[in-house]
Amino acid sequence: MNTCIQVPAYDSRRRTSDAFLKKFRSYFAARGSSPKQFHEILPMTFKGEYNFWYDSVISEINLWEDFVGKFKSRFDNNETLETFIYEVVSYSKEIAPHDSNEVPFKRALRLCRCTIT
């Protein structure tokens, strides 16, 4: 059992959910866990918003595959981010129609940084 491996952290800006989940499986395997146990030891690895989210769906997770489906549907949704950006730009143009075209995109970028980190 290798105990020196760091717990993988999910950052949607740097890693796809598939790459993250693959690292998670490798992490658990290196620590000597069976794939049948992966979903049971997840709570020990989550922090912050992921822990709150996991607590809200734990009753629906009985297998690793359940976790994968829930995780992807919650955290691997780029279309929502794209939609959010365009909504912010659109609302910004409605509120301040005389701003240059650059201003609404800067607002959206600033808001994305606040919601993603």
PDB file of N, CA and C in Angstrom:
ATOM      1  N   MET A   1       0.844  -1.174   0.000  1.00  0.00           N
ATOM      2  CA  MET A   1       0.000   0.000   0.000  1.00  0.00           C
ATOM      3  C   MET A   1       0.891   1.239   0.000  1.00  0.00           C
ATOM      4  N   ASN A   2       0.643   2.146  -0.941  1.00  0.00           N
ATOM      5  CA  ASN A   2       1.401   3.383  -1.056  1.00  0.00           C
ATOM      6  C   ASN A   2       0.622   4.497  -0.368  1.00  0.00           C
ATOM      7  N   THR A   3       1.159   5.016   0.743  1.00  0.00           N
ATOM      8  CA  THR A   3       0.459   6.058   1.492  1.00  0.00           C
ATOM      9  C   THR A   3       0.996   7.457   1.186  1.00  0.00           C
ATOM     10  N   CYS A   4       1.929   7.568   0.246  1.00  0.00           N
ATOM     11  CA  CYS A   4       2.534   8.865  -0.076  1.00  0.00           C
ATOM     12  C   CYS A   4       1.821   9.595  -1.206  1.00  0.00           C
ATOM     13  N   ILE A   5       0.842   8.988  -1.798  1.00  0.00           N
ATOM     14  CA  ILE A   5       0.130   9.607  -2.912  1.00  0.00           C
ATOM     15  C   ILE A   5      -0.862  10.635  -2.374  1.00  0.00           C
ATOM     16  N   GLN A   6      -0.855  11.820  -2.979  1.00  0.00           N
ATOM     17  CA  GLN A   6      -1.799  12.859  -2.574  1.00  0.00           C
ATOM     18  C   GLN A   6      -3.205  12.548  -3.077  1.00  0.00           C
ATOM     19  N   VAL A   7      -4.185  12.973  -2.299  1.00  0.00           N
ATOM     20  CA  VAL A   7      -5.584  12.832  -2.708  1.00  0.00           C
ATOM     21  C   VAL A   7      -5.792  13.741  -3.918  1.00  0.00           C
ATOM     22  N   PRO A   8      -6.332  13.217  -5.018  1.00  0.00           N
ATOM     23  CA  PRO A   8      -6.582  14.063  -6.195  1.00  0.00           C
ATOM     24  C   PRO A   8      -7.594  15.160  -5.873  1.00  0.00           C
ATOM     25  N   ALA A   9      -7.355  16.331  -6.443  1.00  0.00           N
ATOM     26  CA  ALA A   9      -8.277  17.453  -6.272  1.00  0.00           C
ATOM     27  C   ALA A   9      -8.853  17.810  -7.630  1.00  0.00           C
ATOM     28  N   TYR A  10     -10.132  18.082  -7.662  1.00  0.00           N
ATOM     29  CA  TYR A  10     -10.782  18.408  -8.927  1.00  0.00           C
ATOM     30  C   TYR A  10     -10.726  19.905  -9.186  1.00  0.00           C
ATOM     31  N   ASP A  11     -10.206  20.262 -10.339  1.00  0.00           N
ATOM     32  CA  ASP A  11     -10.182  21.650 -10.806  1.00  0.00           C
ATOM     33  C   ASP A  11     -10.603  21.599 -12.267  1.00  0.00           C
ATOM     34  N   SER A  12     -11.820  22.016 -12.529  1.00  0.00           N
ATOM     35  CA  SER A  12     -12.379  21.897 -13.883  1.00  0.00           C
ATOM     36  C   SER A  12     -11.613  22.704 -14.911  1.00  0.00           C
ATOM     37  N   ARG A  13     -10.814  23.673 -14.464  1.00  0.00           N
ATOM     38  CA  ARG A  13     -10.017  24.468 -15.404  1.00  0.00           C
ATOM     39  C   ARG A  13      -8.751  23.749 -15.829  1.00  0.00           C
ATOM     40  N   ARG A  14      -8.336  22.759 -15.062  1.00  0.00           N
ATOM     41  CA  ARG A  14      -7.073  22.068 -15.344  1.00  0.00           C
ATOM     42  C   ARG A  14      -7.228  20.599 -15.719  1.00  0.00           C
ATOM     43  N   ARG A  15      -8.382  20.024 -15.412  1.00  0.00           N
ATOM     44  CA  ARG A  15      -8.528  18.576 -15.604  1.00  0.00           C
ATOM     45  C   ARG A  15      -9.977  18.251 -15.916  1.00  0.00           C
ATOM     46  N   THR A  16     -10.181  17.339 -16.844  1.00  0.00           N
ATOM     47  CA  THR A  16     -11.538  16.887 -17.138  1.00  0.00           C
ATOM     48  C   THR A  16     -12.016  16.001 -15.990  1.00  0.00           C
ATOM     49  N   SER A  17     -13.312  15.810 -15.920  1.00  0.00           N
ATOM     50  CA  SER A  17     -13.836  14.941 -14.867  1.00  0.00           C
ATOM     51  C   SER A  17     -13.356  13.502 -15.078  1.00  0.00           C
ATOM     52  N   ASP A  18     -13.248  13.080 -16.340  1.00  0.00           N
ATOM     53  CA  ASP A  18     -12.760  11.722 -16.607  1.00  0.00           C
ATOM     54  C   ASP A  18     -11.332  11.532 -16.098  1.00  0.00           C
ATOM     55  N   ALA A  19     -10.471  12.530 -16.337  1.00  0.00           N
ATOM     56  CA  ALA A  19      -9.084  12.444 -15.857  1.00  0.00           C
ATOM     57  C   ALA A  19      -9.043  12.438 -14.330  1.00  0.00           C
ATOM     58  N   PHE A  20      -9.890  13.264 -13.718  1.00  0.00           N
ATOM     59  CA  PHE A  20      -9.952  13.306 -12.252  1.00  0.00           C
ATOM     60  C   PHE A  20     -10.413  11.960 -11.693  1.00  0.00           C
ATOM     61  N   LEU A  21     -11.463  11.400 -12.261  1.00  0.00           N
ATOM     62  CA  LEU A  21     -11.986  10.125 -11.772  1.00  0.00           C
ATOM     63  C   LEU A  21     -10.984   8.998 -11.962  1.00  0.00           C
ATOM     64  N   LYS A  22     -10.228   9.048 -13.045  1.00  0.00           N
ATOM     65  CA  LYS A  22      -9.172   8.048 -13.275  1.00  0.00           C
ATOM     66  C   LYS A  22      -8.099   8.169 -12.190  1.00  0.00           C
ATOM     67  N   LYS A  23      -7.713   9.408 -11.861  1.00  0.00           N
ATOM     68  CA  LYS A  23      -6.718   9.616 -10.803  1.00  0.00           C
ATOM     69  C   LYS A  23      -7.258   9.138  -9.453  1.00  0.00           C
ATOM     70  N   PHE A  24      -8.542   9.372  -9.216  1.00  0.00           N
ATOM     71  CA  PHE A  24      -9.164   8.925  -7.978  1.00  0.00           C
ATOM     72  C   PHE A  24      -9.104   7.401  -7.870  1.00  0.00           C
ATOM     73  N   ARG A  25      -9.434   6.711  -8.958  1.00  0.00           N
ATOM     74  CA  ARG A  25      -9.374   5.237  -8.958  1.00  0.00           C
ATOM     75  C   ARG A  25      -7.950   4.761  -8.687  1.00  0.00           C
ATOM     76  N   SER A  26      -6.983   5.416  -9.320  1.00  0.00           N
ATOM     77  CA  SER A  26      -5.571   5.063  -9.108  1.00  0.00           C
ATOM     78  C   SER A  26      -5.161   5.310  -7.659  1.00  0.00           C
ATOM     79  N   TYR A  27      -5.635   6.410  -7.115  1.00  0.00           N
ATOM     80  CA  TYR A  27      -5.329   6.747  -5.722  1.00  0.00           C
ATOM     81  C   TYR A  27      -5.855   5.660  -4.781  1.00  0.00           C
ATOM     82  N   PHE A  28      -7.115   5.297  -4.945  1.00  0.00           N
ATOM     83  CA  PHE A  28      -7.703   4.266  -4.094  1.00  0.00           C
ATOM     84  C   PHE A  28      -7.007   2.922  -4.268  1.00  0.00           C
ATOM     85  N   ALA A  29      -6.719   2.556  -5.517  1.00  0.00           N
ATOM     86  CA  ALA A  29      -6.041   1.280  -5.783  1.00  0.00           C
ATOM     87  C   ALA A  29      -4.656   1.261  -5.144  1.00  0.00           C
ATOM     88  N   ALA A  30      -3.931   2.380  -5.236  1.00  0.00           N
ATOM     89  CA  ALA A  30      -2.587   2.443  -4.655  1.00  0.00           C
ATOM     90  C   ALA A  30      -2.628   2.335  -3.131  1.00  0.00           C
ATOM     91  N   ARG A  31      -3.723   2.724  -2.548  1.00  0.00           N
ATOM     92  CA  ARG A  31      -3.878   2.630  -1.093  1.00  0.00           C
ATOM     93  C   ARG A  31      -4.421   1.259  -0.671  1.00  0.00           C
ATOM     94  N   GLY A  32      -4.608   0.364  -1.649  1.00  0.00           N
ATOM     95  CA  GLY A  32      -5.028  -0.998  -1.333  1.00  0.00           C
ATOM     96  C   GLY A  32      -6.522  -1.207  -1.233  1.00  0.00           C
ATOM     97  N   SER A  33      -7.295  -0.267  -1.710  1.00  0.00           N
ATOM     98  CA  SER A  33      -8.754  -0.403  -1.647  1.00  0.00           C
ATOM     99  C   SER A  33      -9.277  -1.171  -2.855  1.00  0.00           C
ATOM    100  N   SER A  34     -10.326  -1.904  -2.637  1.00  0.00           N
ATOM    101  CA  SER A  34     -10.996  -2.634  -3.701  1.00  0.00           C
ATOM    102  C   SER A  34     -11.958  -1.698  -4.421  1.00  0.00           C
ATOM    103  N   PRO A  35     -12.118  -1.856  -5.747  1.00  0.00           N
ATOM    104  CA  PRO A  35     -13.094  -1.019  -6.471  1.00  0.00           C
ATOM    105  C   PRO A  35     -14.496  -1.069  -5.863  1.00  0.00           C
ATOM    106  N   LYS A  36     -14.835  -2.178  -5.206  1.00  0.00           N
ATOM    107  CA  LYS A  36     -16.150  -2.278  -4.571  1.00  0.00           C
ATOM    108  C   LYS A  36     -16.275  -1.358  -3.351  1.00  0.00           C
ATOM    109  N   GLN A  37     -15.128  -0.870  -2.843  1.00  0.00           N
ATOM    110  CA  GLN A  37     -15.129  -0.003  -1.665  1.00  0.00           C
ATOM    111  C   GLN A  37     -15.004   1.476  -2.007  1.00  0.00           C
ATOM    112  N   PHE A  38     -14.651   1.811  -3.231  1.00  0.00           N
ATOM    113  CA  PHE A  38     -14.346   3.202  -3.590  1.00  0.00           C
ATOM    114  C   PHE A  38     -15.422   4.174  -3.126  1.00  0.00           C
ATOM    115  N   HIS A  39     -16.679   3.835  -3.388  1.00  0.00           N
ATOM    116  CA  HIS A  39     -17.760   4.754  -3.030  1.00  0.00           C
ATOM    117  C   HIS A  39     -17.925   4.889  -1.515  1.00  0.00           C
ATOM    118  N   GLU A  40     -17.429   3.918  -0.763  1.00  0.00           N
ATOM    119  CA  GLU A  40     -17.564   3.959   0.685  1.00  0.00           C
ATOM    120  C   GLU A  40     -16.497   4.821   1.353  1.00  0.00           C
ATOM    121  N   ILE A  41     -15.350   4.973   0.689  1.00  0.00           N
ATOM    122  CA  ILE A  41     -14.270   5.757   1.299  1.00  0.00           C
ATOM    123  C   ILE A  41     -14.175   7.183   0.745  1.00  0.00           C
ATOM    124  N   LEU A  42     -15.052   7.517  -0.177  1.00  0.00           N
ATOM    125  CA  LEU A  42     -15.068   8.872  -0.729  1.00  0.00           C
ATOM    126  C   LEU A  42     -15.183   9.962   0.322  1.00  0.00           C
ATOM    127  N   PRO A  43     -16.063   9.829   1.321  1.00  0.00           N
ATOM    128  CA  PRO A  43     -16.231  10.923   2.282  1.00  0.00           C
ATOM    129  C   PRO A  43     -14.932  11.337   2.975  1.00  0.00           C
ATOM    130  N   MET A  44     -13.990  10.435   3.088  1.00  0.00           N
ATOM    131  CA  MET A  44     -12.727  10.755   3.747  1.00  0.00           C
ATOM    132  C   MET A  44     -11.833  11.640   2.887  1.00  0.00           C
ATOM    133  N   THR A  45     -12.165  11.788   1.621  1.00  0.00           N
ATOM    134  CA  THR A  45     -11.284  12.517   0.710  1.00  0.00           C
ATOM    135  C   THR A  45     -11.825  13.878   0.306  1.00  0.00           C
ATOM    136  N   PHE A  46     -13.087  14.142   0.525  1.00  0.00           N
ATOM    137  CA  PHE A  46     -13.690  15.393   0.077  1.00  0.00           C
ATOM    138  C   PHE A  46     -13.581  16.499   1.119  1.00  0.00           C
ATOM    139  N   LYS A  47     -13.442  17.722   0.582  1.00  0.00           N
ATOM    140  CA  LYS A  47     -13.391  18.904   1.433  1.00  0.00           C
ATOM    141  C   LYS A  47     -14.260  19.980   0.805  1.00  0.00           C
ATOM    142  N   GLY A  48     -14.657  20.950   1.611  1.00  0.00           N
ATOM    143  CA  GLY A  48     -15.367  22.126   1.106  1.00  0.00           C
ATOM    144  C   GLY A  48     -16.657  21.803   0.386  1.00  0.00           C
ATOM    145  N   GLU A  49     -16.833  22.468  -0.776  1.00  0.00           N
ATOM    146  CA  GLU A  49     -18.090  22.325  -1.521  1.00  0.00           C
ATOM    147  C   GLU A  49     -18.336  20.888  -1.957  1.00  0.00           C
ATOM    148  N   TYR A  50     -17.270  20.126  -2.204  1.00  0.00           N
ATOM    149  CA  TYR A  50     -17.433  18.735  -2.631  1.00  0.00           C
ATOM    150  C   TYR A  50     -17.995  17.900  -1.490  1.00  0.00           C
ATOM    151  N   ASN A  51     -17.565  18.188  -0.288  1.00  0.00           N
ATOM    152  CA  ASN A  51     -18.079  17.467   0.870  1.00  0.00           C
ATOM    153  C   ASN A  51     -19.562  17.781   1.091  1.00  0.00           C
ATOM    154  N   PHE A  52     -19.932  19.046   0.976  1.00  0.00           N
ATOM    155  CA  PHE A  52     -21.343  19.423   1.126  1.00  0.00           C
ATOM    156  C   PHE A  52     -22.193  18.750   0.048  1.00  0.00           C
ATOM    157  N   TRP A  53     -21.681  18.782  -1.181  1.00  0.00           N
ATOM    158  CA  TRP A  53     -22.409  18.150  -2.278  1.00  0.00           C
ATOM    159  C   TRP A  53     -22.546  16.650  -2.017  1.00  0.00           C
ATOM    160  N   TYR A  54     -21.439  15.991  -1.642  1.00  0.00           N
ATOM    161  CA  TYR A  54     -21.480  14.552  -1.408  1.00  0.00           C
ATOM    162  C   TYR A  54     -22.478  14.201  -0.313  1.00  0.00           C
ATOM    163  N   ASP A  55     -22.506  14.991   0.747  1.00  0.00           N
ATOM    164  CA  ASP A  55     -23.464  14.744   1.831  1.00  0.00           C
ATOM    165  C   ASP A  55     -24.900  14.809   1.325  1.00  0.00           C
ATOM    166  N   SER A  56     -25.138  15.650   0.309  1.00  0.00           N
ATOM    167  CA  SER A  56     -26.502  15.795  -0.205  1.00  0.00           C
ATOM    168  C   SER A  56     -26.925  14.647  -1.121  1.00  0.00           C
ATOM    169  N   VAL A  57     -25.963  13.877  -1.647  1.00  0.00           N
ATOM    170  CA  VAL A  57     -26.310  12.780  -2.565  1.00  0.00           C
ATOM    171  C   VAL A  57     -25.918  11.398  -2.045  1.00  0.00           C
ATOM    172  N   ILE A  58     -25.344  11.335  -0.866  1.00  0.00           N
ATOM    173  CA  ILE A  58     -24.815  10.061  -0.350  1.00  0.00           C
ATOM    174  C   ILE A  58     -25.871   8.955  -0.316  1.00  0.00           C
ATOM    175  N   SER A  59     -27.107   9.318  -0.059  1.00  0.00           N
ATOM    176  CA  SER A  59     -28.149   8.290   0.026  1.00  0.00           C
ATOM    177  C   SER A  59     -28.441   7.653  -1.336  1.00  0.00           C
ATOM    178  N   GLU A  60     -27.999   8.290  -2.423  1.00  0.00           N
ATOM    179  CA  GLU A  60     -28.238   7.773  -3.766  1.00  0.00           C
ATOM    180  C   GLU A  60     -27.020   7.050  -4.341  1.00  0.00           C
ATOM    181  N   ILE A  61     -25.959   6.922  -3.537  1.00  0.00           N
ATOM    182  CA  ILE A  61     -24.718   6.316  -4.026  1.00  0.00           C
ATOM    183  C   ILE A  61     -24.498   4.979  -3.333  1.00  0.00           C
ATOM    184  N   ASN A  62     -24.621   3.913  -4.129  1.00  0.00           N
ATOM    185  CA  ASN A  62     -24.406   2.565  -3.609  1.00  0.00           C
ATOM    186  C   ASN A  62     -23.237   1.865  -4.281  1.00  0.00           C
ATOM    187  N   LEU A  63     -22.779   2.413  -5.396  1.00  0.00           N
ATOM    188  CA  LEU A  63     -21.668   1.854  -6.169  1.00  0.00           C
ATOM    189  C   LEU A  63     -20.800   2.986  -6.694  1.00  0.00           C
ATOM    190  N   TRP A  64     -19.587   2.662  -7.105  1.00  0.00           N
ATOM    191  CA  TRP A  64     -18.694   3.657  -7.709  1.00  0.00           C
ATOM    192  C   TRP A  64     -19.354   4.299  -8.923  1.00  0.00           C
ATOM    193  N   GLU A  65     -20.051   3.513  -9.722  1.00  0.00           N
ATOM    194  CA  GLU A  65     -20.706   4.022 -10.922  1.00  0.00           C
ATOM    195  C   GLU A  65     -21.776   5.058 -10.580  1.00  0.00           C
ATOM    196  N   ASP A  66     -22.452   4.874  -9.439  1.00  0.00           N
ATOM    197  CA  ASP A  66     -23.431   5.866  -8.988  1.00  0.00           C
ATOM    198  C   ASP A  66     -22.741   7.202  -8.730  1.00  0.00           C
ATOM    199  N   PHE A  67     -21.594   7.123  -8.049  1.00  0.00           N
ATOM    200  CA  PHE A  67     -20.835   8.339  -7.772  1.00  0.00           C
ATOM    201  C   PHE A  67     -20.392   9.024  -9.061  1.00  0.00           C
ATOM    202  N   VAL A  68     -19.863   8.246  -9.997  1.00  0.00           N
ATOM    203  CA  VAL A  68     -19.387   8.796 -11.268  1.00  0.00           C
ATOM    204  C   VAL A  68     -20.510   9.549 -11.970  1.00  0.00           C
ATOM    205  N   GLY A  69     -21.672   8.949 -12.058  1.00  0.00           N
ATOM    206  CA  GLY A  69     -22.809   9.600 -12.717  1.00  0.00           C
ATOM    207  C   GLY A  69     -23.220  10.888 -12.022  1.00  0.00           C
ATOM    208  N   LYS A  70     -23.303  10.847 -10.698  1.00  0.00           N
ATOM    209  CA  LYS A  70     -23.682  12.035  -9.933  1.00  0.00           C
ATOM    210  C   LYS A  70     -22.625  13.131 -10.069  1.00  0.00           C
ATOM    211  N   PHE A  71     -21.362  12.745  -9.992  1.00  0.00           N
ATOM    212  CA  PHE A  71     -20.275  13.720 -10.074  1.00  0.00           C
ATOM    213  C   PHE A  71     -20.269  14.410 -11.430  1.00  0.00           C
ATOM    214  N   LYS A  72     -20.370  13.627 -12.481  1.00  0.00           N
ATOM    215  CA  LYS A  72     -20.352  14.205 -13.824  1.00  0.00           C
ATOM    216  C   LYS A  72     -21.549  15.113 -14.062  1.00  0.00           C
ATOM    217  N   SER A  73     -22.712  14.715 -13.589  1.00  0.00           N
ATOM    218  CA  SER A  73     -23.888  15.546 -13.826  1.00  0.00           C
ATOM    219  C   SER A  73     -23.812  16.850 -13.037  1.00  0.00           C
ATOM    220  N   ARG A  74     -23.101  16.855 -11.920  1.00  0.00           N
ATOM    221  CA  ARG A  74     -22.985  18.079 -11.118  1.00  0.00           C
ATOM    222  C   ARG A  74     -21.798  18.957 -11.525  1.00  0.00           C
ATOM    223  N   PHE A  75     -20.640  18.353 -11.766  1.00  0.00           N
ATOM    224  CA  PHE A  75     -19.423  19.138 -11.946  1.00  0.00           C
ATOM    225  C   PHE A  75     -18.863  19.168 -13.361  1.00  0.00           C
ATOM    226  N   ASP A  76     -19.361  18.335 -14.246  1.00  0.00           N
ATOM    227  CA  ASP A  76     -18.806  18.295 -15.602  1.00  0.00           C
ATOM    228  C   ASP A  76     -19.849  18.814 -16.577  1.00  0.00           C
ATOM    229  N   ASN A  77     -20.161  20.081 -16.462  1.00  0.00           N
ATOM    230  CA  ASN A  77     -21.210  20.638 -17.290  1.00  0.00           C
ATOM    231  C   ASN A  77     -20.766  21.993 -17.836  1.00  0.00           C
ATOM    232  N   ASN A  78     -19.935  21.981 -18.884  1.00  0.00           N
ATOM    233  CA  ASN A  78     -19.406  23.214 -19.456  1.00  0.00           C
ATOM    234  C   ASN A  78     -20.476  24.058 -20.119  1.00  0.00           C
ATOM    235  N   GLU A  79     -21.529  23.435 -20.608  1.00  0.00           N
ATOM    236  CA  GLU A  79     -22.582  24.189 -21.264  1.00  0.00           C
ATOM    237  C   GLU A  79     -23.206  25.187 -20.288  1.00  0.00           C
ATOM    238  N   THR A  80     -23.360  24.805 -19.044  1.00  0.00           N
ATOM    239  CA  THR A  80     -23.930  25.697 -18.052  1.00  0.00           C
ATOM    240  C   THR A  80     -23.046  26.918 -17.849  1.00  0.00           C
ATOM    241  N   LEU A  81     -21.740  26.728 -17.790  1.00  0.00           N
ATOM    242  CA  LEU A  81     -20.820  27.847 -17.626  1.00  0.00           C
ATOM    243  C   LEU A  81     -20.890  28.780 -18.819  1.00  0.00           C
ATOM    244  N   GLU A  82     -20.905  28.216 -20.004  1.00  0.00           N
ATOM    245  CA  GLU A  82     -21.002  29.029 -21.214  1.00  0.00           C
ATOM    246  C   GLU A  82     -22.315  29.823 -21.214  1.00  0.00           C
ATOM    247  N   THR A  83     -23.390  29.181 -20.838  1.00  0.00           N
ATOM    248  CA  THR A  83     -24.685  29.851 -20.770  1.00  0.00           C
ATOM    249  C   THR A  83     -24.644  30.975 -19.740  1.00  0.00           C
ATOM    250  N   PHE A  84     -24.040  30.700 -18.608  1.00  0.00           N
ATOM    251  CA  PHE A  84     -23.912  31.709 -17.553  1.00  0.00           C
ATOM    252  C   PHE A  84     -23.161  32.941 -18.068  1.00  0.00           C
ATOM    253  N   ILE A  85     -22.063  32.736 -18.770  1.00  0.00           N
ATOM    254  CA  ILE A  85     -21.266  33.854 -19.293  1.00  0.00           C
ATOM    255  C   ILE A  85     -22.101  34.705 -20.241  1.00  0.00           C
ATOM    256  N   TYR A  86     -22.789  34.065 -21.159  1.00  0.00           N
ATOM    257  CA  TYR A  86     -23.578  34.823 -22.118  1.00  0.00           C
ATOM    258  C   TYR A  86     -24.767  35.533 -21.462  1.00  0.00           C
ATOM    259  N   GLU A  87     -25.315  34.943 -20.417  1.00  0.00           N
ATOM    260  CA  GLU A  87     -26.391  35.620 -19.692  1.00  0.00           C
ATOM    261  C   GLU A  87     -25.865  36.868 -18.983  1.00  0.00           C
ATOM    262  N   VAL A  88     -24.702  36.754 -18.363  1.00  0.00           N
ATOM    263  CA  VAL A  88     -24.104  37.910 -17.687  1.00  0.00           C
ATOM    264  C   VAL A  88     -23.824  39.014 -18.697  1.00  0.00           C
ATOM    265  N   VAL A  89     -23.259  38.661 -19.860  1.00  0.00           N
ATOM    266  CA  VAL A  89     -22.968  39.647 -20.895  1.00  0.00           C
ATOM    267  C   VAL A  89     -24.260  40.307 -21.367  1.00  0.00           C
ATOM    268  N   SER A  90     -25.275  39.513 -21.597  1.00  0.00           N
ATOM    269  CA  SER A  90     -26.552  40.041 -22.069  1.00  0.00           C
ATOM    270  C   SER A  90     -27.185  40.993 -21.054  1.00  0.00           C
ATOM    271  N   TYR A  91     -27.228  40.585 -19.779  1.00  0.00           N
ATOM    272  CA  TYR A  91     -27.800  41.440 -18.739  1.00  0.00           C
ATOM    273  C   TYR A  91     -26.978  42.712 -18.559  1.00  0.00           C
ATOM    274  N   SER A  92     -25.675  42.563 -18.649  1.00  0.00           N
ATOM    275  CA  SER A  92     -24.801  43.721 -18.507  1.00  0.00           C
ATOM    276  C   SER A  92     -25.065  44.744 -19.596  1.00  0.00           C
ATOM    277  N   LYS A  93     -25.287  44.282 -20.810  1.00  0.00           N
ATOM    278  CA  LYS A  93     -25.578  45.185 -21.925  1.00  0.00           C
ATOM    279  C   LYS A  93     -26.938  45.856 -21.749  1.00  0.00           C
ATOM    280  N   GLU A  94     -27.878  45.163 -21.130  1.00  0.00           N
ATOM    281  CA  GLU A  94     -29.191  45.753 -20.869  1.00  0.00           C
ATOM    282  C   GLU A  94     -29.096  46.843 -19.802  1.00  0.00           C
ATOM    283  N   ILE A  95     -28.325  46.564 -18.768  1.00  0.00           N
ATOM    284  CA  ILE A  95     -28.211  47.499 -17.649  1.00  0.00           C
ATOM    285  C   ILE A  95     -27.364  48.724 -18.017  1.00  0.00           C
ATOM    286  N   ALA A  96     -26.289  48.482 -18.741  1.00  0.00           N
ATOM    287  CA  ALA A  96     -25.378  49.577 -19.109  1.00  0.00           C
ATOM    288  C   ALA A  96     -25.105  49.522 -20.613  1.00  0.00           C
ATOM    289  N   PRO A  97     -26.076  49.920 -21.421  1.00  0.00           N
ATOM    290  CA  PRO A  97     -25.940  49.785 -22.873  1.00  0.00           C
ATOM    291  C   PRO A  97     -24.837  50.643 -23.489  1.00  0.00           C
ATOM    292  N   HIS A  98     -24.351  51.626 -22.769  1.00  0.00           N
ATOM    293  CA  HIS A  98     -23.328  52.515 -23.332  1.00  0.00           C
ATOM    294  C   HIS A  98     -21.907  52.064 -23.013  1.00  0.00           C
ATOM    295  N   ASP A  99     -21.755  51.014 -22.230  1.00  0.00           N
ATOM    296  CA  ASP A  99     -20.416  50.474 -21.951  1.00  0.00           C
ATOM    297  C   ASP A  99     -19.808  49.923 -23.233  1.00  0.00           C
ATOM    298  N   SER A 100     -18.491  49.925 -23.295  1.00  0.00           N
ATOM    299  CA  SER A 100     -17.827  49.315 -24.450  1.00  0.00           C
ATOM    300  C   SER A 100     -18.104  47.815 -24.439  1.00  0.00           C
ATOM    301  N   ASN A 101     -17.903  47.155 -25.559  1.00  0.00           N
ATOM    302  CA  ASN A 101     -18.164  45.710 -25.659  1.00  0.00           C
ATOM    303  C   ASN A 101     -17.288  44.895 -24.714  1.00  0.00           C
ATOM    304  N   GLU A 102     -16.167  45.427 -24.337  1.00  0.00           N
ATOM    305  CA  GLU A 102     -15.226  44.716 -23.481  1.00  0.00           C
ATOM    306  C   GLU A 102     -15.726  44.608 -22.032  1.00  0.00           C
ATOM    307  N   VAL A 103     -16.430  45.601 -21.548  1.00  0.00           N
ATOM    308  CA  VAL A 103     -16.856  45.665 -20.144  1.00  0.00           C
ATOM    309  C   VAL A 103     -17.737  44.485 -19.726  1.00  0.00           C
ATOM    310  N   PRO A 104     -18.776  44.126 -20.496  1.00  0.00           N
ATOM    311  CA  PRO A 104     -19.605  42.980 -20.069  1.00  0.00           C
ATOM    312  C   PRO A 104     -18.817  41.672 -19.966  1.00  0.00           C
ATOM    313  N   PHE A 105     -17.851  41.468 -20.849  1.00  0.00           N
ATOM    314  CA  PHE A 105     -17.052  40.239 -20.791  1.00  0.00           C
ATOM    315  C   PHE A 105     -16.129  40.241 -19.584  1.00  0.00           C
ATOM    316  N   LYS A 106     -15.616  41.412 -19.221  1.00  0.00           N
ATOM    317  CA  LYS A 106     -14.791  41.504 -18.010  1.00  0.00           C
ATOM    318  C   LYS A 106     -15.628  41.196 -16.772  1.00  0.00           C
ATOM    319  N   ARG A 107     -16.861  41.671 -16.756  1.00  0.00           N
ATOM    320  CA  ARG A 107     -17.761  41.364 -15.630  1.00  0.00           C
ATOM    321  C   ARG A 107     -18.013  39.854 -15.540  1.00  0.00           C
ATOM    322  N   ALA A 108     -18.288  39.254 -16.671  1.00  0.00           N
ATOM    323  CA  ALA A 108     -18.550  37.805 -16.692  1.00  0.00           C
ATOM    324  C   ALA A 108     -17.328  37.031 -16.216  1.00  0.00           C
ATOM    325  N   LEU A 109     -16.162  37.425 -16.682  1.00  0.00           N
ATOM    326  CA  LEU A 109     -14.926  36.747 -16.269  1.00  0.00           C
ATOM    327  C   LEU A 109     -14.721  36.888 -14.769  1.00  0.00           C
ATOM    328  N   ARG A 110     -14.944  38.066 -14.242  1.00  0.00           N
ATOM    329  CA  ARG A 110     -14.790  38.300 -12.802  1.00  0.00           C
ATOM    330  C   ARG A 110     -15.763  37.421 -12.015  1.00  0.00           C
ATOM    331  N   LEU A 111     -17.001  37.331 -12.470  1.00  0.00           N
ATOM    332  CA  LEU A 111     -17.987  36.495 -11.790  1.00  0.00           C
ATOM    333  C   LEU A 111     -17.641  35.012 -11.891  1.00  0.00           C
ATOM    334  N   CYS A 112     -17.135  34.577 -13.031  1.00  0.00           N
ATOM    335  CA  CYS A 112     -16.752  33.160 -13.183  1.00  0.00           C
ATOM    336  C   CYS A 112     -15.646  32.793 -12.217  1.00  0.00           C
ATOM    337  N   ARG A 113     -14.704  33.680 -12.049  1.00  0.00           N
ATOM    338  CA  ARG A 113     -13.613  33.412 -11.108  1.00  0.00           C
ATOM    339  C   ARG A 113     -14.139  33.239  -9.693  1.00  0.00           C
ATOM    340  N   CYS A 114     -15.184  33.979  -9.357  1.00  0.00           N
ATOM    341  CA  CYS A 114     -15.770  33.888  -8.030  1.00  0.00           C
ATOM    342  C   CYS A 114     -16.532  32.578  -7.855  1.00  0.00           C
ATOM    343  N   THR A 115     -17.174  32.082  -8.904  1.00  0.00           N
ATOM    344  CA  THR A 115     -18.014  30.898  -8.757  1.00  0.00           C
ATOM    345  C   THR A 115     -17.262  29.601  -8.971  1.00  0.00           C
ATOM    346  N   ILE A 116     -16.118  29.626  -9.648  1.00  0.00           N
ATOM    347  CA  ILE A 116     -15.397  28.400  -9.961  1.00  0.00           C
ATOM    348  C   ILE A 116     -14.398  28.034  -8.875  1.00  0.00           C
ATOM    349  N   THR A 117     -13.766  28.993  -8.258  1.00  0.00           N
ATOM    350  CA  THR A 117     -12.696  28.696  -7.324  1.00  0.00           C
ATOM    351  C   THR A 117     -13.158  27.992  -6.090  1.00  0.00           C
TER     352      THR A 117
END
